[in-house]
């Protein structure tokens, strides 16, 4: 299993604070002879709908030597996990969790927004100082 990201515990605590129940840490994705490990699995019961919402979260702090390498790694995992989960557990939605600062410097840029739209990226923004979720972004692919 891979090592935990630098903000793993902060994101986990922020999700719990936001009403999510952590069901897996890490979340194992098994398909055929392949086993992958996303950072977290969580669920939330939506009382008004009497329904459960299930997510898989990949956490990235972008603290490596190259932001582009970190971005490639994060996006690659997001797309891989989403593709496999569509087959084995289609009710789970994949999210990339990043700090507010990372979002502003990477995904919030003009080029980052193009990538988010193209990949229909779902992102959880976390304030690492307050240990809270600040925004859920569910991007749709609007490319023609």
Protein backbone atom coordinates (compact mmCIF):
# COMPACT_ATOMS: atom_id res chain seq x y z
CA UNK A 1 0.00 0.00 0.00
CA UNK A 2 1.25 3.50 -0.77
CA UNK A 3 2.19 5.96 1.95
CA UNK A 4 -0.39 8.45 3.19
CA UNK A 5 -0.36 11.92 1.68
CA UNK A 6 0.78 14.81 3.91
CA UNK A 7 -2.80 16.09 4.30
CA UNK A 8 -4.47 12.65 4.57
CA UNK A 9 -5.49 12.95 8.23
CA UNK A 10 -6.66 16.55 7.76
CA UNK A 11 -8.91 15.60 4.83
CA UNK A 12 -10.24 12.61 6.74
CA UNK A 13 -11.07 14.77 9.78
CA UNK A 14 -12.65 17.45 7.54
CA UNK A 15 -14.91 14.86 5.88
CA UNK A 16 -15.99 13.50 9.27
CA UNK A 17 -16.69 17.07 10.42
CA UNK A 18 -18.77 17.51 7.23
CA UNK A 19 -20.98 14.56 8.20
CA UNK A 20 -19.30 11.72 6.31
CA UNK A 21 -18.62 8.29 7.75
CA UNK A 22 -15.22 6.94 6.72
CA UNK A 23 -15.79 3.33 5.67
CA UNK A 24 -12.35 2.48 4.29
CA UNK A 25 -8.84 3.82 4.93
CA UNK A 26 -7.48 2.98 2.39
CA UNK A 27 -10.18 1.99 -0.08
CA UNK A 28 -9.22 -1.13 -2.06
CA UNK A 29 -10.36 -1.32 -5.68
CA UNK A 30 -10.15 -4.87 -7.03
CA UNK A 31 -10.78 -5.73 -10.66
CA UNK A 32 -9.68 -8.90 -12.41
CA UNK A 33 -6.06 -9.42 -11.29
CA UNK A 34 -5.51 -5.76 -10.47
CA UNK A 35 -5.61 -4.22 -7.00
CA UNK A 36 -5.43 -0.46 -6.43
CA UNK A 37 -5.63 1.63 -3.29
CA UNK A 38 -7.45 4.95 -3.18
CA UNK A 39 -6.99 6.96 -0.01
CA UNK A 40 -10.50 6.86 1.48
CA UNK A 41 -13.95 5.41 1.07
CA UNK A 42 -16.86 7.24 2.71
CA UNK A 43 -20.61 7.34 2.82
CA UNK A 44 -23.22 9.82 3.91
CA UNK A 45 -26.86 9.14 4.59
CA UNK A 46 -29.01 11.89 3.17
CA UNK A 47 -31.95 11.99 5.57
CA UNK A 48 -34.36 13.88 3.33
CA UNK A 49 -33.88 11.38 0.52
CA UNK A 50 -33.35 8.25 2.66
CA UNK A 51 -30.47 7.49 0.36
CA UNK A 52 -26.78 6.77 0.78
CA UNK A 53 -24.16 8.68 -1.14
CA UNK A 54 -20.86 6.82 -1.50
CA UNK A 55 -17.53 8.32 -2.51
CA UNK A 56 -13.93 7.34 -3.03
CA UNK A 57 -11.37 10.04 -2.29
CA UNK A 58 -7.86 10.43 -3.66
CA UNK A 59 -5.91 12.95 -1.57
CA UNK A 60 -3.07 15.02 -3.02
CA UNK A 61 -1.01 17.81 -1.48
CA UNK A 62 1.21 18.59 -4.52
CA UNK A 63 4.37 18.81 -2.39
CA UNK A 64 6.66 17.00 -4.83
CA UNK A 65 9.54 18.49 -6.79
CA UNK A 66 7.35 19.12 -9.83
CA UNK A 67 3.76 20.37 -9.77
CA UNK A 68 3.25 18.90 -13.23
CA UNK A 69 4.41 15.45 -12.11
CA UNK A 70 2.09 15.70 -9.10
CA UNK A 71 -0.78 16.77 -11.36
CA UNK A 72 -0.15 13.92 -13.81
CA UNK A 73 -0.09 11.44 -10.92
CA UNK A 74 -3.27 12.81 -9.35
CA UNK A 75 -5.21 12.95 -12.62
CA UNK A 76 -3.99 9.50 -13.65
CA UNK A 77 -5.24 7.97 -10.42
CA UNK A 78 -8.54 9.85 -10.62
CA UNK A 79 -9.24 8.63 -14.18
CA UNK A 80 -8.07 5.07 -13.45
CA UNK A 81 -10.16 4.73 -10.30
CA UNK A 82 -13.23 6.27 -11.95
CA UNK A 83 -12.97 3.93 -14.96
CA UNK A 84 -12.68 0.77 -12.86
CA UNK A 85 -15.32 1.83 -10.33
CA UNK A 86 -17.80 2.44 -13.15
CA UNK A 87 -17.58 -1.32 -13.75
CA UNK A 88 -17.27 -2.77 -10.23
CA UNK A 89 -19.11 -0.25 -8.06
CA UNK A 90 -20.91 2.32 -10.23
CA UNK A 91 -22.74 3.92 -7.29
CA UNK A 92 -19.43 5.32 -5.96
CA UNK A 93 -18.26 8.74 -7.14
CA UNK A 94 -14.53 9.53 -7.24
CA UNK A 95 -13.23 12.82 -5.87
CA UNK A 96 -9.79 14.40 -5.73
CA UNK A 97 -9.23 16.15 -2.39
CA UNK A 98 -6.80 19.08 -2.30
CA UNK A 99 -6.16 22.07 -0.08
CA UNK A 100 -7.66 25.44 -0.98
CA UNK A 101 -4.14 26.70 -1.66
CA UNK A 102 -3.29 23.83 -4.01
CA UNK A 103 -6.53 24.39 -5.88
CA UNK A 104 -5.79 28.09 -6.33
CA UNK A 105 -2.25 27.41 -7.58
CA UNK A 106 -2.94 24.38 -9.78
CA UNK A 107 -6.52 23.46 -10.65
CA UNK A 108 -7.93 26.96 -10.26
CA UNK A 109 -5.67 28.37 -12.98
CA UNK A 110 -6.94 28.84 -16.52
CA UNK A 111 -5.19 25.70 -17.76
CA UNK A 112 -6.29 23.79 -14.66
CA UNK A 113 -9.91 24.71 -15.36
CA UNK A 114 -9.57 23.38 -18.93
CA UNK A 115 -8.32 20.06 -17.58
CA UNK A 116 -11.03 19.92 -14.91
CA UNK A 117 -13.75 20.47 -17.52
CA UNK A 118 -12.27 18.01 -20.00
CA UNK A 119 -11.92 15.23 -17.42
CA UNK A 120 -15.18 16.08 -15.60
CA UNK A 121 -13.08 16.23 -12.44
CA UNK A 122 -14.79 16.14 -9.05
CA UNK A 123 -12.84 17.96 -6.35
CA UNK A 124 -13.15 18.45 -2.60
CA UNK A 125 -11.50 21.63 -1.35
CA UNK A 126 -10.22 21.57 2.22
CA UNK A 127 -9.03 24.41 4.47
CA UNK A 128 -6.09 22.68 6.15
CA UNK A 129 -5.88 25.25 8.96
CA UNK A 130 -9.56 25.03 9.94
CA UNK A 131 -9.74 21.31 9.06
CA UNK A 132 -12.95 21.71 7.11
CA UNK A 133 -14.38 21.13 3.68
CA UNK A 134 -14.84 24.49 1.98
CA UNK A 135 -16.28 23.44 -1.36
CA UNK A 136 -17.42 20.47 -3.42
CA UNK A 137 -16.82 20.90 -7.16
CA UNK A 138 -18.54 18.50 -9.55
CA UNK A 139 -17.33 19.44 -12.98
CA UNK A 140 -19.20 18.29 -16.07
CA UNK A 141 -17.53 17.56 -19.36
CA UNK A 142 -18.72 20.33 -21.68
CA UNK A 143 -16.32 19.55 -24.53
CA UNK A 144 -17.94 18.92 -27.89
